[in-house]
Amino acid sequence: MKNKILILMLLFAVSSCKSKPDQSTHVSDLAAKNDTSKLSKTVMGISAENKSNTSWVDDLKDFRQALYSKDVAKLKTYFSFPVGDDNWGYPVQFTADELKERKAKYANPSLLYEKDFERYYDQIFDKDLLKSIMKLKTASLLQNHQAETQEFNEGDFNFKLLANYYEKDKITLHLNLSYSNNAVDENGDPVSEGEHNKIYVFDIVEGKKLRFQRIVFAG
């Protein structure tokens, strides 16, 4: 009988040891969870810091991507409508009926309104700008305050994009589409007539955000 009792006591002791939690394992698990939590917070902190430290060059890249993907909603974030510049209408070339409609609709039909942009954005930011801005080296622009693309051929004209970053009374970015005539006269000499520039002017707000201001035509 005593032997049976002794055996039962031994079995009970073994069972108790197995069911008791491993404190060292529990502590290790907590440490691992804490490390993971700290790592997550660190990563989130870095992401938030990078996001808050974006520059105007990053915004220019976003603008370029929005042009490429035809993201009108994103492109509109670069405007504060209405834009007070009547030059924007030159690329659109309104018909007589459209001009009449605008005069009836707007107190100042020479301004660019949000609905105008939704309708004509691909004429304001045309295929020449899209083609050339995709080749613009933003690193060179940031370092040298200027950059230019290769020259492209478009029918009777060649064009390239000249980008200039100015720091004067206010910081501005100029995207200058420069067109040259590739025709020749009867003597084989280049023809200069028709050379012109279309310049998109952006203010740089707080060193981070581009804000469209106007289009300038020259030549």
N, C-alpha and C. Protein backbone atom coordinates (compact mmCIF):
# COMPACT_ATOMS: atom_id res chain seq x y z
N MET A 1 0.82 -1.20 0.00
CA MET A 1 0.00 0.00 0.00
C MET A 1 0.87 1.26 0.00
N LYS A 2 1.88 1.25 0.86
CA LYS A 2 2.79 2.39 0.91
C LYS A 2 3.46 2.63 -0.44
N ASN A 3 3.81 1.54 -1.12
CA ASN A 3 4.45 1.66 -2.44
C ASN A 3 3.51 2.33 -3.44
N LYS A 4 2.23 1.96 -3.38
CA LYS A 4 1.25 2.55 -4.30
C LYS A 4 1.11 4.05 -4.05
N ILE A 5 1.06 4.42 -2.77
CA ILE A 5 0.94 5.84 -2.43
C ILE A 5 2.15 6.62 -2.92
N LEU A 6 3.35 6.04 -2.75
CA LEU A 6 4.59 6.68 -3.19
C LEU A 6 4.60 6.89 -4.69
N ILE A 7 4.13 5.88 -5.44
CA ILE A 7 4.08 5.98 -6.90
C ILE A 7 3.13 7.09 -7.33
N LEU A 8 1.95 7.17 -6.67
CA LEU A 8 0.97 8.21 -7.01
C LEU A 8 1.53 9.60 -6.73
N MET A 9 2.27 9.76 -5.65
CA MET A 9 2.86 11.06 -5.32
C MET A 9 3.89 11.47 -6.37
N LEU A 10 4.67 10.50 -6.82
CA LEU A 10 5.68 10.80 -7.85
C LEU A 10 5.02 11.23 -9.16
N LEU A 11 3.95 10.52 -9.53
CA LEU A 11 3.22 10.87 -10.77
C LEU A 11 2.63 12.27 -10.68
N PHE A 12 2.09 12.62 -9.53
CA PHE A 12 1.50 13.94 -9.33
C PHE A 12 2.55 15.04 -9.46
N ALA A 13 3.72 14.78 -8.90
CA ALA A 13 4.82 15.76 -8.95
C ALA A 13 5.27 16.01 -10.38
N VAL A 14 5.40 14.90 -11.16
CA VAL A 14 5.81 15.02 -12.56
C VAL A 14 4.78 15.80 -13.35
N SER A 15 3.49 15.52 -13.11
CA SER A 15 2.41 16.20 -13.82
C SER A 15 2.41 17.68 -13.52
N SER A 16 2.67 18.06 -12.27
CA SER A 16 2.69 19.47 -11.88
C SER A 16 3.81 20.22 -12.58
N CYS A 17 4.96 19.57 -12.74
CA CYS A 17 6.10 20.21 -13.42
C CYS A 17 5.79 20.48 -14.88
N LYS A 18 5.12 19.55 -15.52
CA LYS A 18 4.81 19.70 -16.95
C LYS A 18 3.81 20.83 -17.19
N SER A 19 2.84 20.97 -16.26
CA SER A 19 1.78 21.96 -16.47
C SER A 19 2.21 23.36 -16.08
N LYS A 20 3.32 23.51 -15.35
CA LYS A 20 3.78 24.83 -14.91
C LYS A 20 4.37 25.60 -16.08
N PRO A 21 3.94 26.86 -16.32
CA PRO A 21 4.45 27.64 -17.45
C PRO A 21 5.94 27.88 -17.34
N ASP A 22 6.58 27.91 -18.50
CA ASP A 22 8.01 28.20 -18.56
C ASP A 22 8.19 29.71 -18.51
N GLN A 23 8.64 30.21 -17.35
CA GLN A 23 8.75 31.65 -17.16
C GLN A 23 9.76 32.27 -18.11
N SER A 24 10.84 31.55 -18.39
CA SER A 24 11.88 32.11 -19.27
C SER A 24 11.35 32.28 -20.68
N THR A 25 10.53 31.30 -21.14
CA THR A 25 9.94 31.40 -22.48
C THR A 25 8.99 32.58 -22.54
N HIS A 26 8.19 32.77 -21.47
CA HIS A 26 7.23 33.87 -21.43
C HIS A 26 7.95 35.22 -21.49
N VAL A 27 9.03 35.33 -20.73
CA VAL A 27 9.82 36.58 -20.73
C VAL A 27 10.40 36.84 -22.11
N SER A 28 10.90 35.78 -22.77
CA SER A 28 11.48 35.93 -24.11
C SER A 28 10.44 36.40 -25.10
N ASP A 29 9.21 35.83 -25.00
CA ASP A 29 8.13 36.23 -25.90
C ASP A 29 7.78 37.70 -25.71
N LEU A 30 7.72 38.14 -24.45
CA LEU A 30 7.41 39.55 -24.19
C LEU A 30 8.49 40.46 -24.75
N ALA A 31 9.74 40.05 -24.59
CA ALA A 31 10.85 40.86 -25.10
C ALA A 31 10.78 40.97 -26.61
N ALA A 32 10.45 39.85 -27.27
CA ALA A 32 10.35 39.85 -28.72
C ALA A 32 9.24 40.77 -29.19
N LYS A 33 8.09 40.72 -28.45
CA LYS A 33 6.97 41.58 -28.81
C LYS A 33 7.33 43.05 -28.64
N ASN A 34 8.04 43.36 -27.54
CA ASN A 34 8.46 44.73 -27.31
C ASN A 34 9.40 45.23 -28.38
N ASP A 35 10.36 44.37 -28.80
CA ASP A 35 11.30 44.73 -29.85
C ASP A 35 10.56 44.99 -31.15
N THR A 36 9.58 44.12 -31.46
CA THR A 36 8.80 44.29 -32.69
C THR A 36 8.02 45.59 -32.66
N SER A 37 7.44 45.90 -31.49
CA SER A 37 6.68 47.13 -31.34
C SER A 37 7.57 48.34 -31.53
N LYS A 38 8.79 48.28 -30.92
CA LYS A 38 9.73 49.38 -31.07
C LYS A 38 10.15 49.55 -32.53
N LEU A 39 10.37 48.43 -33.22
CA LEU A 39 10.78 48.47 -34.61
C LEU A 39 9.68 49.08 -35.46
N SER A 40 8.43 48.69 -35.20
CA SER A 40 7.30 49.23 -35.95
C SER A 40 7.20 50.73 -35.77
N LYS A 41 7.36 51.18 -34.49
CA LYS A 41 7.29 52.60 -34.22
C LYS A 41 8.43 53.35 -34.91
N THR A 42 9.62 52.72 -34.94
CA THR A 42 10.77 53.35 -35.60
C THR A 42 10.52 53.49 -37.09
N VAL A 43 10.03 52.41 -37.71
CA VAL A 43 9.76 52.45 -39.14
C VAL A 43 8.70 53.49 -39.45
N MET A 44 7.62 53.52 -38.62
CA MET A 44 6.57 54.50 -38.83
C MET A 44 7.10 55.91 -38.66
N GLY A 45 8.00 56.08 -37.70
CA GLY A 45 8.59 57.38 -37.47
C GLY A 45 9.42 57.85 -38.63
N ILE A 46 10.20 56.93 -39.20
CA ILE A 46 11.01 57.26 -40.37
C ILE A 46 10.13 57.62 -41.55
N SER A 47 9.07 56.85 -41.76
CA SER A 47 8.16 57.12 -42.87
C SER A 47 7.53 58.48 -42.71
N ALA A 48 7.08 58.79 -41.49
CA ALA A 48 6.44 60.07 -41.26
C ALA A 48 7.42 61.22 -41.46
N GLU A 49 8.67 61.01 -41.00
CA GLU A 49 9.69 62.04 -41.15
C GLU A 49 9.98 62.29 -42.61
N ASN A 50 10.15 61.20 -43.39
CA ASN A 50 10.43 61.36 -44.81
C ASN A 50 9.30 62.08 -45.51
N LYS A 51 8.06 61.72 -45.12
CA LYS A 51 6.91 62.35 -45.76
C LYS A 51 6.87 63.84 -45.48
N SER A 52 7.22 64.23 -44.23
CA SER A 52 7.16 65.63 -43.87
C SER A 52 8.32 66.42 -44.47
N ASN A 53 9.38 65.72 -44.88
CA ASN A 53 10.55 66.39 -45.41
C ASN A 53 10.62 66.37 -46.94
N THR A 54 9.50 66.05 -47.61
CA THR A 54 9.51 66.04 -49.06
C THR A 54 9.82 67.43 -49.59
N SER A 55 10.50 67.50 -50.73
CA SER A 55 10.89 68.78 -51.31
C SER A 55 10.08 69.05 -52.57
N TRP A 56 10.31 70.21 -53.15
CA TRP A 56 9.60 70.58 -54.37
C TRP A 56 9.98 69.65 -55.52
N VAL A 57 11.17 69.07 -55.47
CA VAL A 57 11.57 68.12 -56.51
C VAL A 57 10.70 66.86 -56.45
N ASP A 58 10.40 66.41 -55.24
CA ASP A 58 9.49 65.27 -55.09
C ASP A 58 8.11 65.61 -55.64
N ASP A 59 7.68 66.86 -55.40
CA ASP A 59 6.37 67.28 -55.91
C ASP A 59 6.39 67.39 -57.43
N LEU A 60 7.53 67.80 -57.99
CA LEU A 60 7.67 67.84 -59.44
C LEU A 60 7.57 66.44 -60.03
N LYS A 61 8.17 65.47 -59.36
CA LYS A 61 8.07 64.08 -59.82
C LYS A 61 6.63 63.60 -59.76
N ASP A 62 5.92 64.00 -58.70
CA ASP A 62 4.50 63.62 -58.59
C ASP A 62 3.68 64.27 -59.70
N PHE A 63 4.00 65.53 -60.01
CA PHE A 63 3.33 66.23 -61.09
C PHE A 63 3.56 65.52 -62.42
N ARG A 64 4.79 65.14 -62.66
CA ARG A 64 5.14 64.42 -63.89
C ARG A 64 4.37 63.10 -63.99
N GLN A 65 4.29 62.38 -62.88
CA GLN A 65 3.57 61.11 -62.88
C GLN A 65 2.08 61.33 -63.11
N ALA A 66 1.53 62.40 -62.54
CA ALA A 66 0.12 62.71 -62.74
C ALA A 66 -0.17 63.04 -64.21
N LEU A 67 0.75 63.74 -64.86
CA LEU A 67 0.60 64.01 -66.29
C LEU A 67 0.59 62.71 -67.08
N TYR A 68 1.53 61.85 -66.76
CA TYR A 68 1.67 60.58 -67.49
C TYR A 68 0.43 59.71 -67.32
N SER A 69 -0.09 59.65 -66.11
CA SER A 69 -1.24 58.78 -65.83
C SER A 69 -2.58 59.48 -66.06
N LYS A 70 -2.54 60.74 -66.50
CA LYS A 70 -3.76 61.52 -66.76
C LYS A 70 -4.65 61.60 -65.52
N ASP A 71 -4.00 61.84 -64.40
CA ASP A 71 -4.70 61.93 -63.12
C ASP A 71 -5.16 63.37 -62.92
N VAL A 72 -6.34 63.69 -63.42
CA VAL A 72 -6.85 65.06 -63.38
C VAL A 72 -7.03 65.53 -61.93
N ALA A 73 -7.53 64.65 -61.08
CA ALA A 73 -7.74 65.02 -59.68
C ALA A 73 -6.44 65.45 -59.02
N LYS A 74 -5.36 64.72 -59.29
CA LYS A 74 -4.05 65.08 -58.74
C LYS A 74 -3.54 66.37 -59.36
N LEU A 75 -3.69 66.52 -60.66
CA LEU A 75 -3.21 67.73 -61.34
C LEU A 75 -3.90 68.98 -60.79
N LYS A 76 -5.16 68.87 -60.42
CA LYS A 76 -5.89 70.02 -59.91
C LYS A 76 -5.32 70.51 -58.58
N THR A 77 -4.60 69.65 -57.86
CA THR A 77 -4.02 70.07 -56.58
C THR A 77 -2.87 71.06 -56.78
N TYR A 78 -2.42 71.24 -58.01
CA TYR A 78 -1.35 72.19 -58.30
C TYR A 78 -1.90 73.57 -58.66
N PHE A 79 -3.21 73.75 -58.52
CA PHE A 79 -3.86 75.00 -58.87
C PHE A 79 -4.62 75.57 -57.68
N SER A 80 -4.77 76.87 -57.69
CA SER A 80 -5.68 77.56 -56.80
C SER A 80 -6.65 78.32 -57.70
N PHE A 81 -7.76 77.69 -58.01
CA PHE A 81 -8.71 78.23 -58.99
C PHE A 81 -9.52 79.38 -58.39
N PRO A 82 -9.91 80.36 -59.26
CA PRO A 82 -9.49 80.49 -60.66
C PRO A 82 -8.10 81.11 -60.75
N VAL A 83 -7.42 80.80 -61.84
CA VAL A 83 -6.08 81.32 -62.07
C VAL A 83 -6.20 82.61 -62.87
N GLY A 84 -5.58 83.67 -62.36
CA GLY A 84 -5.73 84.98 -62.98
C GLY A 84 -4.77 85.25 -64.10
N ASP A 85 -4.89 84.53 -65.19
CA ASP A 85 -4.00 84.72 -66.34
C ASP A 85 -4.74 84.35 -67.61
N ASP A 86 -4.86 85.30 -68.53
CA ASP A 86 -5.62 85.03 -69.75
C ASP A 86 -4.80 84.31 -70.82
N ASN A 87 -3.51 84.08 -70.58
CA ASN A 87 -2.69 83.37 -71.57
C ASN A 87 -3.02 81.89 -71.66
N TRP A 88 -3.63 81.34 -70.61
CA TRP A 88 -3.90 79.90 -70.61
C TRP A 88 -4.79 79.50 -71.78
N GLY A 89 -5.62 80.41 -72.28
CA GLY A 89 -6.57 80.07 -73.33
C GLY A 89 -5.96 79.94 -74.71
N TYR A 90 -4.73 80.41 -74.89
CA TYR A 90 -4.12 80.34 -76.22
C TYR A 90 -3.96 78.92 -76.74
N PRO A 91 -3.52 77.96 -75.93
CA PRO A 91 -3.40 76.60 -76.47
C PRO A 91 -4.74 75.96 -76.80
N VAL A 92 -5.82 76.47 -76.20
CA VAL A 92 -7.13 75.85 -76.38
C VAL A 92 -7.78 76.29 -77.68
N GLN A 93 -7.63 77.57 -78.03
CA GLN A 93 -8.22 78.12 -79.25
C GLN A 93 -9.74 77.92 -79.26
N PHE A 94 -10.41 78.72 -78.43
CA PHE A 94 -11.86 78.64 -78.33
C PHE A 94 -12.54 78.99 -79.65
N THR A 95 -13.64 78.32 -79.90
CA THR A 95 -14.48 78.69 -81.04
C THR A 95 -15.31 79.91 -80.64
N ALA A 96 -15.96 80.52 -81.62
CA ALA A 96 -16.80 81.69 -81.34
C ALA A 96 -17.93 81.33 -80.38
N ASP A 97 -18.51 80.15 -80.56
CA ASP A 97 -19.60 79.71 -79.67
C ASP A 97 -19.10 79.48 -78.25
N GLU A 98 -17.89 78.91 -78.13
CA GLU A 98 -17.33 78.67 -76.80
C GLU A 98 -17.03 79.98 -76.08
N LEU A 99 -16.53 80.96 -76.82
CA LEU A 99 -16.27 82.27 -76.23
C LEU A 99 -17.57 82.93 -75.77
N LYS A 100 -18.60 82.79 -76.57
CA LYS A 100 -19.91 83.35 -76.22
C LYS A 100 -20.45 82.67 -74.96
N GLU A 101 -20.28 81.36 -74.89
CA GLU A 101 -20.73 80.60 -73.72
C GLU A 101 -19.98 81.02 -72.46
N ARG A 102 -18.69 81.26 -72.59
CA ARG A 102 -17.88 81.66 -71.43
C ARG A 102 -18.30 83.05 -70.93
N LYS A 103 -18.57 83.95 -71.84
CA LYS A 103 -18.97 85.30 -71.43
C LYS A 103 -20.29 85.30 -70.69
N ALA A 104 -21.16 84.36 -71.08
CA ALA A 104 -22.45 84.26 -70.40
C ALA A 104 -22.33 83.55 -69.05
N LYS A 105 -21.32 82.70 -68.92
CA LYS A 105 -21.18 81.86 -67.73
C LYS A 105 -20.36 82.51 -66.64
N TYR A 106 -19.30 83.24 -67.03
CA TYR A 106 -18.36 83.78 -66.05
C TYR A 106 -18.33 85.30 -66.08
N ALA A 107 -18.20 85.90 -64.89
CA ALA A 107 -18.05 87.35 -64.81
C ALA A 107 -16.73 87.78 -65.44
N ASN A 108 -15.71 86.94 -65.28
CA ASN A 108 -14.40 87.20 -65.89
C ASN A 108 -14.01 85.98 -66.72
N PRO A 109 -14.39 85.93 -67.98
CA PRO A 109 -14.14 84.73 -68.80
C PRO A 109 -12.67 84.50 -69.14
N SER A 110 -11.80 85.48 -68.84
CA SER A 110 -10.39 85.30 -69.17
C SER A 110 -9.65 84.45 -68.13
N LEU A 111 -10.30 84.18 -66.98
CA LEU A 111 -9.66 83.37 -65.95
C LEU A 111 -9.82 81.88 -66.25
N LEU A 112 -8.93 81.10 -65.69
CA LEU A 112 -9.00 79.64 -65.79
C LEU A 112 -9.73 79.10 -64.57
N TYR A 113 -10.88 78.49 -64.81
CA TYR A 113 -11.68 77.92 -63.73
C TYR A 113 -11.49 76.41 -63.66
N GLU A 114 -11.91 75.84 -62.54
CA GLU A 114 -11.72 74.41 -62.34
C GLU A 114 -12.38 73.58 -63.44
N LYS A 115 -13.58 73.96 -63.83
CA LYS A 115 -14.28 73.23 -64.90
C LYS A 115 -13.54 73.34 -66.22
N ASP A 116 -12.90 74.50 -66.45
CA ASP A 116 -12.08 74.66 -67.66
C ASP A 116 -10.94 73.65 -67.66
N PHE A 117 -10.30 73.54 -66.52
CA PHE A 117 -9.15 72.64 -66.45
C PHE A 117 -9.58 71.20 -66.68
N GLU A 118 -10.69 70.79 -66.09
CA GLU A 118 -11.18 69.43 -66.28
C GLU A 118 -11.44 69.14 -67.75
N ARG A 119 -11.85 70.16 -68.48
CA ARG A 119 -12.21 69.99 -69.89
C ARG A 119 -11.01 70.10 -70.82
N TYR A 120 -10.07 70.98 -70.50
CA TYR A 120 -9.00 71.30 -71.44
C TYR A 120 -7.59 70.96 -70.92
N TYR A 121 -7.48 70.20 -69.84
CA TYR A 121 -6.17 70.01 -69.21
C TYR A 121 -5.13 69.46 -70.17
N ASP A 122 -5.57 68.57 -71.10
CA ASP A 122 -4.60 67.95 -72.01
C ASP A 122 -4.19 68.88 -73.15
N GLN A 123 -4.85 70.03 -73.26
CA GLN A 123 -4.40 71.05 -74.19
C GLN A 123 -3.53 72.09 -73.49
N ILE A 124 -3.80 72.29 -72.21
CA ILE A 124 -2.96 73.19 -71.42
C ILE A 124 -1.60 72.54 -71.16
N PHE A 125 -1.63 71.31 -70.66
CA PHE A 125 -0.42 70.51 -70.51
C PHE A 125 -0.40 69.50 -71.66
N ASP A 126 0.17 69.90 -72.77
CA ASP A 126 0.01 69.12 -74.01
C ASP A 126 1.02 67.99 -74.12
N LYS A 127 0.95 67.28 -75.24
CA LYS A 127 1.80 66.10 -75.45
C LYS A 127 3.28 66.46 -75.51
N ASP A 128 3.61 67.67 -75.96
CA ASP A 128 5.02 68.07 -76.02
C ASP A 128 5.60 68.21 -74.61
N LEU A 129 4.82 68.79 -73.71
CA LEU A 129 5.28 68.89 -72.32
C LEU A 129 5.42 67.51 -71.71
N LEU A 130 4.44 66.65 -71.94
CA LEU A 130 4.50 65.30 -71.39
C LEU A 130 5.72 64.55 -71.90
N LYS A 131 5.95 64.62 -73.21
CA LYS A 131 7.06 63.89 -73.81
C LYS A 131 8.40 64.36 -73.25
N SER A 132 8.54 65.65 -73.10
CA SER A 132 9.83 66.20 -72.68
C SER A 132 10.05 66.11 -71.17
N ILE A 133 9.01 66.32 -70.38
CA ILE A 133 9.20 66.31 -68.93
C ILE A 133 9.55 64.92 -68.41
N MET A 134 9.15 63.89 -69.16
CA MET A 134 9.50 62.53 -68.75
C MET A 134 11.01 62.29 -68.87
N LYS A 135 11.69 63.12 -69.66
CA LYS A 135 13.14 62.98 -69.87
C LYS A 135 13.95 63.97 -69.03
N LEU A 136 13.26 64.77 -68.23
CA LEU A 136 13.95 65.79 -67.44
C LEU A 136 14.69 65.16 -66.26
N LYS A 137 15.96 65.52 -66.10
CA LYS A 137 16.77 64.99 -65.01
C LYS A 137 16.64 65.91 -63.79
N THR A 138 15.80 65.48 -62.85
CA THR A 138 15.51 66.32 -61.70
C THR A 138 16.71 66.50 -60.78
N ALA A 139 17.60 65.52 -60.73
CA ALA A 139 18.79 65.65 -59.89
C ALA A 139 19.67 66.80 -60.37
N SER A 140 19.80 66.93 -61.68
CA SER A 140 20.58 68.03 -62.26
C SER A 140 19.90 69.36 -61.99
N LEU A 141 18.58 69.38 -62.08
CA LEU A 141 17.82 70.60 -61.81
C LEU A 141 18.03 71.05 -60.37
N LEU A 142 17.99 70.13 -59.45
CA LEU A 142 18.16 70.46 -58.03
C LEU A 142 19.57 70.96 -57.75
N GLN A 143 20.56 70.32 -58.35
CA GLN A 143 21.96 70.66 -58.08
C GLN A 143 22.37 71.96 -58.76
N ASN A 144 21.96 72.14 -60.01
CA ASN A 144 22.45 73.27 -60.81
C ASN A 144 21.43 74.38 -61.00
N HIS A 145 20.22 74.18 -60.48
CA HIS A 145 19.12 75.13 -60.64
C HIS A 145 18.68 75.24 -62.10
N GLN A 146 19.14 74.36 -62.94
CA GLN A 146 18.69 74.32 -64.32
C GLN A 146 18.98 72.95 -64.92
N ALA A 147 18.19 72.62 -65.92
CA ALA A 147 18.38 71.35 -66.63
C ALA A 147 17.65 71.46 -67.96
N GLU A 148 18.10 70.70 -68.93
CA GLU A 148 17.40 70.68 -70.21
C GLU A 148 17.40 69.28 -70.79
N THR A 149 16.40 69.01 -71.58
CA THR A 149 16.27 67.69 -72.18
C THR A 149 16.93 67.66 -73.54
N GLN A 150 16.94 66.49 -74.12
CA GLN A 150 17.35 66.35 -75.51
C GLN A 150 16.35 67.08 -76.39
N GLU A 151 16.68 67.24 -77.65
CA GLU A 151 15.78 67.89 -78.60
C GLU A 151 14.90 66.84 -79.28
N PHE A 152 13.64 67.19 -79.43
CA PHE A 152 12.67 66.30 -80.06
C PHE A 152 12.20 66.92 -81.37
N ASN A 153 11.86 66.08 -82.32
CA ASN A 153 11.35 66.55 -83.61
C ASN A 153 9.84 66.39 -83.66
N GLU A 154 9.17 67.45 -84.09
CA GLU A 154 7.72 67.42 -84.22
C GLU A 154 7.34 68.19 -85.49
N GLY A 155 7.28 67.47 -86.61
CA GLY A 155 6.92 68.12 -87.87
C GLY A 155 7.96 69.12 -88.31
N ASP A 156 7.52 70.37 -88.48
CA ASP A 156 8.42 71.43 -88.94
C ASP A 156 9.25 72.03 -87.81
N PHE A 157 9.03 71.56 -86.60
CA PHE A 157 9.72 72.16 -85.46
C PHE A 157 10.48 71.11 -84.65
N ASN A 158 11.56 71.58 -84.03
CA ASN A 158 12.23 70.83 -82.98
C ASN A 158 11.89 71.52 -81.66
N PHE A 159 11.86 70.77 -80.60
CA PHE A 159 11.61 71.40 -79.30
C PHE A 159 12.36 70.65 -78.21
N LYS A 160 12.59 71.35 -77.13
CA LYS A 160 13.19 70.75 -75.93
C LYS A 160 12.65 71.49 -74.72
N LEU A 161 12.81 70.88 -73.56
CA LEU A 161 12.33 71.48 -72.32
C LEU A 161 13.51 72.03 -71.53
N LEU A 162 13.44 73.31 -71.20
CA LEU A 162 14.44 73.96 -70.36
C LEU A 162 13.78 74.24 -69.01
N ALA A 163 14.35 73.71 -67.96
CA ALA A 163 13.81 73.92 -66.62
C ALA A 163 14.76 74.80 -65.82
N ASN A 164 14.21 75.82 -65.17
CA ASN A 164 15.02 76.74 -64.37
C ASN A 164 14.36 76.99 -63.03
N TYR A 165 15.19 76.98 -62.00
CA TYR A 165 14.73 77.17 -60.62
C TYR A 165 15.31 78.49 -60.12
N TYR A 166 14.43 79.43 -59.75
CA TYR A 166 14.87 80.77 -59.37
C TYR A 166 14.59 81.03 -57.89
N GLU A 167 15.55 81.67 -57.23
CA GLU A 167 15.38 82.09 -55.84
C GLU A 167 15.57 83.60 -55.78
N LYS A 168 14.46 84.33 -55.90
CA LYS A 168 14.52 85.79 -55.83
C LYS A 168 13.58 86.25 -54.73
N ASP A 169 12.65 87.17 -55.08
CA ASP A 169 11.68 87.61 -54.09
C ASP A 169 10.84 86.43 -53.61
N LYS A 170 10.53 85.54 -54.56
CA LYS A 170 9.87 84.28 -54.22
C LYS A 170 10.47 83.20 -55.10
N ILE A 171 10.34 81.97 -54.65
CA ILE A 171 10.97 80.85 -55.36
C ILE A 171 10.04 80.36 -56.45
N THR A 172 10.55 80.27 -57.66
CA THR A 172 9.73 79.84 -58.79
C THR A 172 10.45 78.79 -59.62
N LEU A 173 9.65 78.02 -60.32
CA LEU A 173 10.15 77.02 -61.26
C LEU A 173 9.55 77.33 -62.62
N HIS A 174 10.41 77.43 -63.63
CA HIS A 174 9.96 77.67 -65.00
C HIS A 174 10.22 76.41 -65.83
N LEU A 175 9.18 75.92 -66.47
CA LEU A 175 9.29 74.82 -67.43
C LEU A 175 9.06 75.42 -68.81
N ASN A 176 10.14 75.57 -69.55
CA ASN A 176 10.14 76.32 -70.81
C ASN A 176 10.22 75.36 -72.00
N LEU A 177 9.12 75.25 -72.73
CA LEU A 177 9.14 74.50 -73.99
C LEU A 177 9.65 75.43 -75.08
N SER A 178 10.85 75.15 -75.56
CA SER A 178 11.51 76.00 -76.54
C SER A 178 11.45 75.35 -77.92
N TYR A 179 10.83 76.05 -78.87
CA TYR A 179 10.63 75.52 -80.22
C TYR A 179 11.54 76.24 -81.21
N SER A 180 12.15 75.46 -82.08
CA SER A 180 12.96 76.03 -83.17
C SER A 180 12.49 75.45 -84.49
N ASN A 181 12.60 76.24 -85.53
CA ASN A 181 12.17 75.82 -86.86
C ASN A 181 13.25 74.96 -87.50
N ASN A 182 12.90 73.77 -87.95
CA ASN A 182 13.92 72.91 -88.58
C ASN A 182 13.86 72.96 -90.10
N ALA A 183 13.09 73.93 -90.63
CA ALA A 183 13.02 74.09 -92.08
C ALA A 183 14.23 74.88 -92.58
N VAL A 184 14.48 74.80 -93.87
CA VAL A 184 15.56 75.56 -94.50
C VAL A 184 15.00 76.34 -95.68
N ASP A 185 15.67 77.43 -96.02
CA ASP A 185 15.22 78.22 -97.17
C ASP A 185 15.80 77.66 -98.46
N GLU A 186 15.60 78.40 -99.55
CA GLU A 186 16.05 77.91 -100.86
C GLU A 186 17.56 77.77 -100.96
N ASN A 187 18.28 78.45 -100.05
CA ASN A 187 19.74 78.35 -100.04
C ASN A 187 20.25 77.30 -99.07
N GLY A 188 19.33 76.61 -98.42
CA GLY A 188 19.73 75.58 -97.47
C GLY A 188 20.05 76.10 -96.09
N ASP A 189 19.76 77.38 -95.85
CA ASP A 189 20.02 77.96 -94.54
C ASP A 189 18.83 77.77 -93.61
N PRO A 190 19.08 77.58 -92.31
CA PRO A 190 17.98 77.40 -91.35
C PRO A 190 17.04 78.60 -91.34
N VAL A 191 15.77 78.34 -91.19
CA VAL A 191 14.76 79.39 -91.11
C VAL A 191 14.46 79.66 -89.64
N SER A 192 14.62 80.92 -89.23
CA SER A 192 14.42 81.25 -87.82
C SER A 192 12.98 81.64 -87.51
N GLU A 193 12.21 81.99 -88.55
CA GLU A 193 10.84 82.39 -88.31
C GLU A 193 10.05 81.25 -87.65
N GLY A 194 9.20 81.62 -86.74
CA GLY A 194 8.38 80.61 -86.07
C GLY A 194 8.96 80.11 -84.77
N GLU A 195 10.17 80.52 -84.43
CA GLU A 195 10.74 80.12 -83.15
C GLU A 195 9.93 80.75 -82.02
N HIS A 196 9.61 79.97 -81.01
CA HIS A 196 8.79 80.49 -79.92
C HIS A 196 8.98 79.65 -78.66
N ASN A 197 8.47 80.17 -77.57
CA ASN A 197 8.59 79.51 -76.26
C ASN A 197 7.23 79.51 -75.56
N LYS A 198 6.96 78.43 -74.89
CA LYS A 198 5.78 78.34 -74.01
C LYS A 198 6.30 77.98 -72.63
N ILE A 199 6.13 78.89 -71.69
CA ILE A 199 6.75 78.75 -70.37
C ILE A 199 5.67 78.57 -69.30
N TYR A 200 5.77 77.47 -68.59
CA TYR A 200 4.87 77.20 -67.46
C TYR A 200 5.57 77.68 -66.18
N VAL A 201 4.92 78.57 -65.47
CA VAL A 201 5.52 79.16 -64.27
C VAL A 201 4.81 78.62 -63.02
N PHE A 202 5.60 78.09 -62.11
CA PHE A 202 5.09 77.58 -60.84
C PHE A 202 5.77 78.32 -59.69
N ASP A 203 4.99 78.70 -58.69
CA ASP A 203 5.58 79.12 -57.42
C ASP A 203 5.91 77.88 -56.61
N ILE A 204 6.94 77.98 -55.78
CA ILE A 204 7.29 76.89 -54.87
C ILE A 204 6.93 77.34 -53.46
N VAL A 205 5.93 76.71 -52.89
CA VAL A 205 5.38 77.11 -51.60
C VAL A 205 6.10 76.37 -50.47
N GLU A 206 6.72 77.14 -49.58
CA GLU A 206 7.42 76.59 -48.41
C GLU A 206 8.47 75.55 -48.79
N GLY A 207 9.02 75.68 -49.99
CA GLY A 207 10.08 74.78 -50.43
C GLY A 207 9.63 73.37 -50.74
N LYS A 208 8.31 73.13 -50.74
CA LYS A 208 7.83 71.75 -50.86
C LYS A 208 6.78 71.56 -51.95
N LYS A 209 5.92 72.54 -52.16
CA LYS A 209 4.74 72.34 -53.00
C LYS A 209 4.77 73.26 -54.21
N LEU A 210 4.53 72.69 -55.41
CA LEU A 210 4.41 73.49 -56.62
C LEU A 210 3.00 74.04 -56.73
N ARG A 211 2.90 75.31 -57.16
CA ARG A 211 1.60 75.93 -57.36
C ARG A 211 1.62 76.66 -58.70
N PHE A 212 0.79 76.20 -59.63
CA PHE A 212 0.76 76.80 -60.97
C PHE A 212 0.34 78.27 -60.88
N GLN A 213 1.06 79.13 -61.64
CA GLN A 213 0.75 80.55 -61.65
C GLN A 213 0.26 81.04 -63.01
N ARG A 214 1.00 80.70 -64.06
CA ARG A 214 0.62 81.25 -65.36
C ARG A 214 1.39 80.55 -66.47
N ILE A 215 0.96 80.83 -67.71
CA ILE A 215 1.69 80.42 -68.91
C ILE A 215 2.17 81.69 -69.61
N VAL A 216 3.41 81.70 -70.01
CA VAL A 216 3.98 82.84 -70.73
C VAL A 216 4.35 82.37 -72.13
N PHE A 217 3.93 83.15 -73.14
CA PHE A 217 4.29 82.85 -74.53
C PHE A 217 5.25 83.92 -75.02
N ALA A 218 6.30 83.48 -75.69
CA ALA A 218 7.30 84.41 -76.22
C ALA A 218 7.69 83.99 -77.63
N GLY A 219 7.99 85.00 -78.46
CA GLY A 219 8.44 84.70 -79.81
C GLY A 219 7.34 84.78 -80.84
